N, C-alpha and C. Protein backbone atom coordinates (compact mmCIF):
# COMPACT_ATOMS: atom_id res chain seq x y z
N UNK A 1 49.18 6.87 18.22
CA UNK A 1 48.14 6.62 17.24
C UNK A 1 47.70 5.16 17.28
N UNK A 2 48.70 4.24 17.46
CA UNK A 2 48.36 2.82 17.54
C UNK A 2 47.50 2.54 18.77
N UNK A 3 47.78 3.24 19.86
CA UNK A 3 47.00 3.05 21.09
C UNK A 3 45.54 3.45 20.87
N UNK A 4 45.32 4.54 20.18
CA UNK A 4 43.95 4.99 19.90
C UNK A 4 43.23 3.98 19.00
N UNK A 5 43.91 3.47 18.01
CA UNK A 5 43.32 2.46 17.12
C UNK A 5 42.99 1.19 17.88
N UNK A 6 43.87 0.80 18.81
CA UNK A 6 43.63 -0.40 19.62
C UNK A 6 42.42 -0.22 20.52
N UNK A 7 42.32 0.94 21.15
CA UNK A 7 41.18 1.23 22.02
C UNK A 7 39.89 1.25 21.20
N UNK A 8 39.92 1.87 20.03
CA UNK A 8 38.74 1.93 19.17
C UNK A 8 38.33 0.52 18.75
N UNK A 9 39.30 -0.31 18.41
CA UNK A 9 39.00 -1.70 18.02
C UNK A 9 38.38 -2.47 19.17
N UNK A 10 38.91 -2.27 20.37
CA UNK A 10 38.38 -2.93 21.55
C UNK A 10 36.93 -2.50 21.81
N UNK A 11 36.65 -1.23 21.66
CA UNK A 11 35.28 -0.73 21.84
C UNK A 11 34.32 -1.33 20.81
N UNK A 12 34.75 -1.41 19.57
CA UNK A 12 33.90 -1.99 18.52
C UNK A 12 33.62 -3.46 18.81
N UNK A 13 34.65 -4.21 19.19
CA UNK A 13 34.47 -5.63 19.50
C UNK A 13 33.54 -5.79 20.71
N UNK A 14 33.70 -4.96 21.72
CA UNK A 14 32.83 -5.02 22.90
C UNK A 14 31.38 -4.74 22.54
N UNK A 15 31.16 -3.74 21.71
CA UNK A 15 29.78 -3.40 21.30
C UNK A 15 29.17 -4.53 20.49
N UNK A 16 29.96 -5.15 19.61
CA UNK A 16 29.45 -6.28 18.83
C UNK A 16 29.10 -7.45 19.73
N UNK A 17 29.87 -7.68 20.77
CA UNK A 17 29.58 -8.77 21.71
C UNK A 17 28.26 -8.51 22.42
N UNK A 18 28.03 -7.28 22.81
CA UNK A 18 26.77 -6.93 23.48
C UNK A 18 25.61 -7.09 22.51
N UNK A 19 25.80 -6.72 21.27
CA UNK A 19 24.72 -6.79 20.29
C UNK A 19 24.40 -8.22 19.86
N UNK A 20 25.39 -9.09 19.81
CA UNK A 20 25.16 -10.41 19.23
C UNK A 20 25.25 -11.56 20.23
N UNK A 21 25.69 -11.32 21.45
CA UNK A 21 25.77 -12.38 22.45
C UNK A 21 24.37 -12.82 22.85
N UNK A 22 24.30 -13.85 23.69
CA UNK A 22 23.00 -14.35 24.13
C UNK A 22 22.93 -14.39 25.64
N UNK A 23 21.84 -13.93 26.19
CA UNK A 23 21.58 -14.03 27.62
C UNK A 23 20.68 -15.22 27.85
N UNK A 24 20.71 -15.75 29.07
CA UNK A 24 19.79 -16.84 29.38
C UNK A 24 19.10 -16.56 30.69
N UNK A 25 17.87 -17.04 30.80
CA UNK A 25 17.06 -16.90 32.00
C UNK A 25 16.49 -18.28 32.32
N UNK A 26 16.05 -18.52 33.56
CA UNK A 26 15.42 -19.81 33.88
C UNK A 26 14.17 -20.01 33.02
N UNK A 27 14.04 -21.20 32.46
CA UNK A 27 12.95 -21.48 31.54
C UNK A 27 11.88 -22.36 32.17
N UNK A 28 10.64 -22.20 31.71
CA UNK A 28 9.52 -23.04 32.13
C UNK A 28 9.67 -24.41 31.49
N UNK A 29 8.95 -25.38 32.01
CA UNK A 29 9.00 -26.73 31.44
C UNK A 29 8.38 -26.74 30.04
N UNK A 30 8.68 -27.76 29.27
CA UNK A 30 8.10 -27.90 27.93
C UNK A 30 6.58 -27.99 28.01
N UNK A 31 6.08 -28.68 29.04
CA UNK A 31 4.62 -28.81 29.22
C UNK A 31 3.98 -27.46 29.49
N UNK A 32 4.62 -26.66 30.35
CA UNK A 32 4.10 -25.33 30.67
C UNK A 32 4.13 -24.44 29.44
N UNK A 33 5.22 -24.49 28.68
CA UNK A 33 5.35 -23.70 27.46
C UNK A 33 4.23 -24.05 26.48
N UNK A 34 3.97 -25.33 26.30
CA UNK A 34 2.91 -25.77 25.38
C UNK A 34 1.54 -25.32 25.87
N UNK A 35 1.30 -25.41 27.17
CA UNK A 35 0.01 -24.99 27.72
C UNK A 35 -0.21 -23.49 27.52
N UNK A 36 0.82 -22.69 27.76
CA UNK A 36 0.69 -21.24 27.58
C UNK A 36 0.47 -20.88 26.13
N UNK A 37 1.07 -21.65 25.22
CA UNK A 37 0.91 -21.36 23.79
C UNK A 37 -0.44 -21.82 23.24
N UNK A 38 -1.27 -22.43 24.07
CA UNK A 38 -2.64 -22.77 23.64
C UNK A 38 -3.54 -21.53 23.68
N UNK A 39 -3.07 -20.48 24.36
CA UNK A 39 -3.79 -19.20 24.45
C UNK A 39 -5.22 -19.40 24.95
N UNK A 40 -5.38 -20.25 25.96
CA UNK A 40 -6.70 -20.52 26.52
C UNK A 40 -7.32 -19.24 27.05
N UNK A 41 -8.63 -19.16 26.96
CA UNK A 41 -9.36 -18.02 27.52
C UNK A 41 -9.20 -18.05 29.03
N UNK A 42 -8.75 -16.96 29.63
CA UNK A 42 -8.57 -16.94 31.09
C UNK A 42 -9.90 -17.10 31.81
N UNK A 43 -9.88 -17.52 33.08
CA UNK A 43 -11.12 -17.59 33.87
C UNK A 43 -11.80 -16.23 33.90
N UNK A 44 -13.09 -16.21 34.16
CA UNK A 44 -13.88 -14.97 34.13
C UNK A 44 -13.36 -13.90 35.08
N UNK A 45 -12.72 -14.30 36.16
CA UNK A 45 -12.24 -13.32 37.13
C UNK A 45 -10.76 -12.94 36.93
N UNK A 46 -10.22 -13.28 35.76
CA UNK A 46 -8.82 -12.97 35.45
C UNK A 46 -8.67 -12.56 33.98
N UNK A 47 -7.49 -12.05 33.68
CA UNK A 47 -7.07 -11.80 32.30
C UNK A 47 -5.71 -12.46 32.13
N UNK A 48 -5.31 -12.69 30.90
CA UNK A 48 -3.99 -13.26 30.63
C UNK A 48 -3.02 -12.18 30.19
N UNK A 49 -1.78 -12.28 30.63
CA UNK A 49 -0.74 -11.33 30.27
C UNK A 49 0.42 -12.08 29.64
N UNK A 50 0.80 -11.67 28.43
CA UNK A 50 1.97 -12.21 27.74
C UNK A 50 2.90 -11.04 27.44
N UNK A 51 4.17 -11.18 27.83
CA UNK A 51 5.20 -10.20 27.51
C UNK A 51 6.30 -10.96 26.79
N UNK A 52 6.58 -10.58 25.55
CA UNK A 52 7.59 -11.30 24.77
C UNK A 52 8.68 -10.37 24.28
N UNK A 53 9.81 -10.99 23.96
CA UNK A 53 10.95 -10.22 23.44
C UNK A 53 11.55 -10.99 22.27
N UNK A 54 11.64 -10.33 21.14
CA UNK A 54 12.21 -10.92 19.94
C UNK A 54 12.92 -9.82 19.17
N UNK A 55 14.15 -9.50 19.59
CA UNK A 55 14.86 -8.43 18.90
C UNK A 55 16.33 -8.78 18.75
N UNK A 56 16.90 -8.35 17.66
CA UNK A 56 18.31 -8.60 17.39
C UNK A 56 19.20 -7.82 18.35
N UNK A 57 18.82 -6.58 18.61
CA UNK A 57 19.61 -5.71 19.48
C UNK A 57 19.48 -6.19 20.93
N UNK A 58 20.59 -6.23 21.64
CA UNK A 58 20.58 -6.55 23.06
C UNK A 58 20.44 -8.01 23.41
N UNK A 59 20.84 -8.91 22.52
CA UNK A 59 20.72 -10.34 22.79
C UNK A 59 21.47 -10.76 24.04
N UNK A 60 22.53 -10.05 24.38
CA UNK A 60 23.35 -10.43 25.54
C UNK A 60 22.79 -9.92 26.86
N UNK A 61 21.67 -9.20 26.80
CA UNK A 61 21.13 -8.58 28.01
C UNK A 61 19.85 -9.27 28.48
N UNK A 62 19.72 -9.39 29.80
CA UNK A 62 18.46 -9.81 30.42
C UNK A 62 17.79 -8.54 30.92
N UNK A 63 16.46 -8.50 30.86
CA UNK A 63 15.74 -7.33 31.37
C UNK A 63 14.58 -7.80 32.24
N UNK A 64 14.44 -7.18 33.39
CA UNK A 64 13.35 -7.51 34.31
C UNK A 64 12.05 -6.87 33.86
N UNK A 65 10.95 -7.57 34.16
CA UNK A 65 9.60 -7.07 33.87
C UNK A 65 8.83 -7.03 35.19
N UNK A 66 8.08 -5.96 35.41
CA UNK A 66 7.35 -5.76 36.66
C UNK A 66 5.87 -5.53 36.37
N UNK A 67 5.02 -6.05 37.23
CA UNK A 67 3.59 -5.76 37.18
C UNK A 67 3.24 -5.08 38.50
N UNK A 68 2.75 -3.87 38.40
CA UNK A 68 2.37 -3.09 39.59
C UNK A 68 3.50 -3.01 40.60
N UNK A 69 4.73 -2.84 40.08
CA UNK A 69 5.89 -2.63 40.93
C UNK A 69 6.57 -3.88 41.47
N UNK A 70 6.04 -5.07 41.14
CA UNK A 70 6.62 -6.31 41.63
C UNK A 70 7.15 -7.12 40.44
N UNK A 71 8.39 -7.59 40.55
CA UNK A 71 8.99 -8.33 39.44
C UNK A 71 8.23 -9.62 39.16
N UNK A 72 7.93 -9.85 37.87
CA UNK A 72 7.28 -11.11 37.47
C UNK A 72 8.24 -12.01 36.71
N UNK A 73 9.41 -11.50 36.33
CA UNK A 73 10.39 -12.32 35.65
C UNK A 73 11.37 -11.50 34.84
N UNK A 74 12.30 -12.23 34.21
CA UNK A 74 13.29 -11.62 33.33
C UNK A 74 13.11 -12.17 31.93
N UNK A 75 13.43 -11.34 30.95
CA UNK A 75 13.38 -11.78 29.57
C UNK A 75 14.77 -11.80 28.97
N UNK A 76 14.90 -12.57 27.94
CA UNK A 76 16.07 -12.60 27.07
C UNK A 76 15.50 -12.69 25.65
N UNK A 77 16.34 -12.72 24.64
CA UNK A 77 15.84 -12.80 23.28
C UNK A 77 15.08 -14.10 23.05
N UNK A 78 13.97 -14.03 22.32
CA UNK A 78 13.13 -15.18 21.97
C UNK A 78 12.51 -15.83 23.21
N UNK A 79 12.19 -15.02 24.22
CA UNK A 79 11.61 -15.49 25.48
C UNK A 79 10.34 -14.69 25.77
N UNK A 80 9.36 -15.36 26.41
CA UNK A 80 8.15 -14.65 26.84
C UNK A 80 7.80 -15.04 28.27
N UNK A 81 7.01 -14.18 28.91
CA UNK A 81 6.44 -14.43 30.23
C UNK A 81 4.93 -14.51 30.07
N UNK A 82 4.29 -15.39 30.85
CA UNK A 82 2.83 -15.52 30.83
C UNK A 82 2.33 -15.56 32.26
N UNK A 83 1.33 -14.75 32.57
CA UNK A 83 0.72 -14.71 33.89
C UNK A 83 -0.78 -14.51 33.76
N UNK A 84 -1.52 -15.05 34.72
CA UNK A 84 -2.92 -14.68 34.90
C UNK A 84 -2.91 -13.49 35.84
N UNK A 85 -3.67 -12.44 35.50
CA UNK A 85 -3.66 -11.23 36.31
C UNK A 85 -5.07 -10.87 36.75
N UNK A 86 -5.16 -10.11 37.82
CA UNK A 86 -6.45 -9.65 38.31
C UNK A 86 -7.03 -8.62 37.35
N UNK A 87 -8.32 -8.43 37.43
CA UNK A 87 -8.99 -7.45 36.56
C UNK A 87 -8.74 -6.04 37.09
N UNK A 88 -8.82 -5.07 36.20
CA UNK A 88 -8.67 -3.68 36.61
C UNK A 88 -7.39 -3.05 36.07
N UNK A 89 -7.05 -1.91 36.66
CA UNK A 89 -5.89 -1.11 36.21
C UNK A 89 -4.58 -1.72 36.66
N UNK A 90 -3.61 -1.70 35.75
CA UNK A 90 -2.27 -2.23 36.03
C UNK A 90 -1.22 -1.33 35.40
N UNK A 91 -0.02 -1.42 35.95
CA UNK A 91 1.15 -0.79 35.36
C UNK A 91 2.17 -1.88 35.08
N UNK A 92 2.50 -2.05 33.81
CA UNK A 92 3.52 -2.99 33.37
C UNK A 92 4.78 -2.19 33.11
N UNK A 93 5.91 -2.64 33.67
CA UNK A 93 7.16 -1.90 33.56
C UNK A 93 8.29 -2.82 33.11
N UNK A 94 9.26 -2.23 32.46
CA UNK A 94 10.48 -2.95 32.12
C UNK A 94 11.68 -2.15 32.56
N UNK A 95 12.67 -2.86 33.01
CA UNK A 95 13.94 -2.27 33.41
C UNK A 95 14.58 -1.67 32.16
N UNK A 96 15.08 -0.45 32.30
CA UNK A 96 15.75 0.19 31.18
C UNK A 96 17.03 0.85 31.69
N UNK A 97 17.70 1.55 30.83
CA UNK A 97 19.01 2.09 31.18
C UNK A 97 18.96 3.11 32.32
N UNK A 98 18.02 4.03 32.28
CA UNK A 98 17.96 5.09 33.28
C UNK A 98 16.66 5.04 34.08
N UNK A 99 16.20 3.84 34.44
CA UNK A 99 14.96 3.68 35.19
C UNK A 99 14.00 2.80 34.41
N UNK A 100 12.82 2.63 34.95
CA UNK A 100 11.84 1.76 34.31
C UNK A 100 11.00 2.52 33.29
N UNK A 101 10.57 1.83 32.25
CA UNK A 101 9.60 2.35 31.29
C UNK A 101 8.27 1.67 31.58
N UNK A 102 7.21 2.44 31.69
CA UNK A 102 5.90 1.93 32.11
C UNK A 102 4.86 2.02 31.01
N UNK A 103 3.91 1.06 31.06
CA UNK A 103 2.71 1.09 30.23
C UNK A 103 1.54 0.81 31.16
N UNK A 104 0.55 1.67 31.12
CA UNK A 104 -0.65 1.46 31.94
C UNK A 104 -1.73 0.85 31.06
N UNK A 105 -2.49 -0.10 31.63
CA UNK A 105 -3.60 -0.71 30.89
C UNK A 105 -4.64 -1.21 31.87
N UNK A 106 -5.83 -1.47 31.34
CA UNK A 106 -6.93 -2.00 32.14
C UNK A 106 -7.23 -3.40 31.64
N UNK A 107 -7.17 -4.37 32.54
CA UNK A 107 -7.41 -5.77 32.19
C UNK A 107 -8.89 -6.10 32.34
N UNK A 108 -9.49 -6.59 31.26
CA UNK A 108 -10.89 -6.99 31.26
C UNK A 108 -11.02 -8.50 31.38
N UNK A 109 -12.15 -8.93 31.85
CA UNK A 109 -12.44 -10.34 32.09
C UNK A 109 -12.25 -11.22 30.86
N UNK A 110 -11.52 -12.32 31.04
CA UNK A 110 -11.40 -13.34 30.01
C UNK A 110 -10.57 -12.99 28.79
N UNK A 111 -9.83 -11.88 28.82
CA UNK A 111 -9.02 -11.47 27.65
C UNK A 111 -7.55 -11.75 27.88
N UNK A 112 -6.83 -11.99 26.80
CA UNK A 112 -5.37 -12.09 26.82
C UNK A 112 -4.79 -10.79 26.28
N UNK A 113 -3.77 -10.27 26.97
CA UNK A 113 -3.10 -9.04 26.57
C UNK A 113 -1.66 -9.37 26.20
N UNK A 114 -1.18 -8.75 25.12
CA UNK A 114 0.15 -9.03 24.60
C UNK A 114 0.96 -7.74 24.53
N UNK A 115 2.19 -7.81 25.05
CA UNK A 115 3.10 -6.67 25.03
C UNK A 115 4.45 -7.12 24.49
N UNK A 116 5.00 -6.31 23.58
CA UNK A 116 6.34 -6.58 23.05
C UNK A 116 7.35 -5.75 23.83
N UNK A 117 8.40 -6.40 24.30
CA UNK A 117 9.50 -5.69 24.94
C UNK A 117 10.57 -5.50 23.86
N UNK A 118 10.89 -4.26 23.56
CA UNK A 118 11.87 -3.93 22.52
C UNK A 118 13.14 -3.42 23.17
N UNK A 119 14.26 -3.81 22.61
CA UNK A 119 15.56 -3.37 23.09
C UNK A 119 16.08 -2.27 22.17
N UNK A 120 16.87 -1.37 22.76
CA UNK A 120 17.49 -0.32 21.97
C UNK A 120 18.87 -0.02 22.54
N UNK A 121 19.72 0.50 21.71
CA UNK A 121 21.07 0.86 22.14
C UNK A 121 20.98 1.93 23.22
N UNK A 122 21.88 1.82 24.20
CA UNK A 122 21.95 2.81 25.25
C UNK A 122 23.35 3.38 25.34
N UNK A 123 23.52 4.29 26.28
CA UNK A 123 24.83 4.90 26.47
C UNK A 123 25.74 3.94 27.24
N UNK A 124 25.23 3.37 28.35
CA UNK A 124 26.03 2.47 29.18
C UNK A 124 25.56 1.02 29.10
N UNK A 125 24.27 0.84 28.89
CA UNK A 125 23.70 -0.50 28.72
C UNK A 125 22.48 -0.35 27.82
N UNK A 126 21.87 -1.45 27.44
CA UNK A 126 20.72 -1.37 26.55
C UNK A 126 19.49 -0.84 27.25
N UNK A 127 18.70 -0.11 26.53
CA UNK A 127 17.42 0.35 27.04
C UNK A 127 16.32 -0.60 26.60
N UNK A 128 15.16 -0.49 27.20
CA UNK A 128 14.04 -1.36 26.84
C UNK A 128 12.75 -0.56 26.93
N UNK A 129 11.78 -0.97 26.11
CA UNK A 129 10.46 -0.34 26.16
C UNK A 129 9.41 -1.43 25.97
N UNK A 130 8.17 -1.11 26.28
CA UNK A 130 7.04 -2.02 26.13
C UNK A 130 5.99 -1.39 25.23
N UNK A 131 5.41 -2.21 24.35
CA UNK A 131 4.37 -1.74 23.45
C UNK A 131 3.25 -2.77 23.42
N UNK A 132 2.01 -2.31 23.59
CA UNK A 132 0.86 -3.21 23.45
C UNK A 132 0.72 -3.57 21.98
N UNK A 133 0.44 -4.85 21.70
CA UNK A 133 0.27 -5.30 20.31
C UNK A 133 -1.07 -6.01 20.17
N UNK A 134 -1.55 -6.07 18.93
CA UNK A 134 -2.80 -6.79 18.66
C UNK A 134 -2.64 -8.25 19.02
N UNK A 135 -3.74 -8.88 19.44
CA UNK A 135 -3.71 -10.27 19.87
C UNK A 135 -3.13 -11.20 18.80
N UNK A 136 -3.55 -11.05 17.56
CA UNK A 136 -3.06 -11.93 16.48
C UNK A 136 -1.54 -11.80 16.31
N UNK A 137 -1.03 -10.56 16.37
CA UNK A 137 0.41 -10.33 16.25
C UNK A 137 1.16 -10.90 17.45
N UNK A 138 0.60 -10.72 18.62
CA UNK A 138 1.21 -11.24 19.84
C UNK A 138 1.29 -12.76 19.84
N UNK A 139 0.21 -13.41 19.41
CA UNK A 139 0.20 -14.88 19.35
C UNK A 139 1.27 -15.39 18.40
N UNK A 140 1.38 -14.76 17.23
CA UNK A 140 2.40 -15.18 16.26
C UNK A 140 3.80 -15.07 16.85
N UNK A 141 4.06 -13.96 17.53
CA UNK A 141 5.38 -13.74 18.11
C UNK A 141 5.67 -14.73 19.24
N UNK A 142 4.69 -14.96 20.11
CA UNK A 142 4.87 -15.88 21.24
C UNK A 142 5.16 -17.29 20.73
N UNK A 143 4.52 -17.69 19.65
CA UNK A 143 4.75 -19.03 19.10
C UNK A 143 6.21 -19.24 18.67
N UNK A 144 6.92 -18.16 18.37
CA UNK A 144 8.33 -18.25 17.97
C UNK A 144 9.28 -18.10 19.16
N UNK A 145 8.74 -17.99 20.37
CA UNK A 145 9.55 -17.81 21.58
C UNK A 145 9.35 -18.99 22.53
N UNK A 146 10.14 -19.01 23.60
CA UNK A 146 10.01 -20.03 24.65
C UNK A 146 9.70 -19.33 25.96
N UNK A 147 8.93 -20.00 26.82
CA UNK A 147 8.47 -19.37 28.06
C UNK A 147 9.54 -19.39 29.16
N UNK A 148 9.75 -18.23 29.77
CA UNK A 148 10.63 -18.13 30.93
C UNK A 148 9.85 -18.57 32.17
N UNK A 149 10.57 -19.09 33.14
CA UNK A 149 9.92 -19.53 34.37
C UNK A 149 9.38 -18.35 35.17
N UNK A 150 9.99 -17.21 35.07
CA UNK A 150 9.55 -16.06 35.85
C UNK A 150 9.93 -16.24 37.31
N UNK A 151 9.41 -15.37 38.15
CA UNK A 151 9.71 -15.46 39.58
C UNK A 151 8.74 -16.41 40.25
N UNK A 152 9.15 -17.00 41.35
CA UNK A 152 8.31 -17.99 42.02
C UNK A 152 7.21 -17.34 42.86
N UNK A 153 7.39 -16.09 43.26
CA UNK A 153 6.36 -15.37 43.99
C UNK A 153 5.85 -14.27 43.09
N UNK A 154 4.71 -14.47 42.42
CA UNK A 154 4.24 -13.47 41.46
C UNK A 154 3.75 -12.20 42.13
N UNK A 155 3.60 -11.17 41.33
CA UNK A 155 3.09 -9.88 41.80
C UNK A 155 1.70 -10.05 42.39
N UNK A 156 1.30 -9.09 43.21
CA UNK A 156 0.00 -9.15 43.86
C UNK A 156 -1.14 -9.30 42.86
N UNK A 157 -1.00 -8.69 41.70
CA UNK A 157 -2.05 -8.76 40.69
C UNK A 157 -1.88 -9.90 39.71
N UNK A 158 -0.88 -10.78 39.94
CA UNK A 158 -0.60 -11.84 38.99
C UNK A 158 -0.53 -13.20 39.68
N UNK A 159 -0.81 -14.23 38.93
CA UNK A 159 -0.66 -15.60 39.40
C UNK A 159 0.24 -16.32 38.41
N UNK A 160 1.17 -17.10 38.93
CA UNK A 160 1.97 -17.94 38.04
C UNK A 160 1.02 -18.93 37.38
N UNK A 161 1.21 -19.14 36.09
CA UNK A 161 0.36 -20.08 35.37
C UNK A 161 0.99 -21.46 35.48
N UNK A 162 0.22 -22.44 35.89
CA UNK A 162 0.75 -23.79 36.00
C UNK A 162 -0.14 -24.75 35.23
N UNK A 163 0.47 -25.82 34.76
CA UNK A 163 -0.26 -26.84 34.02
C UNK A 163 -1.08 -27.65 35.02
N UNK A 164 -2.38 -27.82 34.80
CA UNK A 164 -3.20 -28.63 35.72
C UNK A 164 -2.68 -30.07 35.77
N UNK A 165 -2.66 -30.65 36.96
CA UNK A 165 -2.22 -32.03 37.13
C UNK A 165 -3.42 -32.97 37.01
N UNK A 166 -3.25 -34.12 36.33
CA UNK A 166 -4.37 -35.06 36.17
C UNK A 166 -4.77 -35.68 37.49
């Protein structure tokens, strides 16, 4: 009976660690973070993409985000990704417990698009989903997060956003 109680206690402690721990990902510079948070209108031949994560559940987990099948970066709690993307149809995906979860959208000229990545309890690891949010809500959430550096080679439909040099 003591062995069962010990195992149950160990499982509870492990689950709490997963729920409350913190993951880290490579971060963008302070200058880049500030520039992205200006929410500048993208050039006429591009749209802006913001993917943010702000959830209590799954703080100890990093999750990859993909645009059109190519990884654009990883998220952790209170982190966002920002990319300039080509116009037209796109598939935004997030790594989840049993495969990727996808959201399809069409990017129009000069618009910024905001997606929330939500974490949820899983059987073996945390699951994740993506939801399109209104621009005003997305801006508020991004302002409370910090920008991840993302991958150095962006997806075919995306460009890494960089601060212009004087």
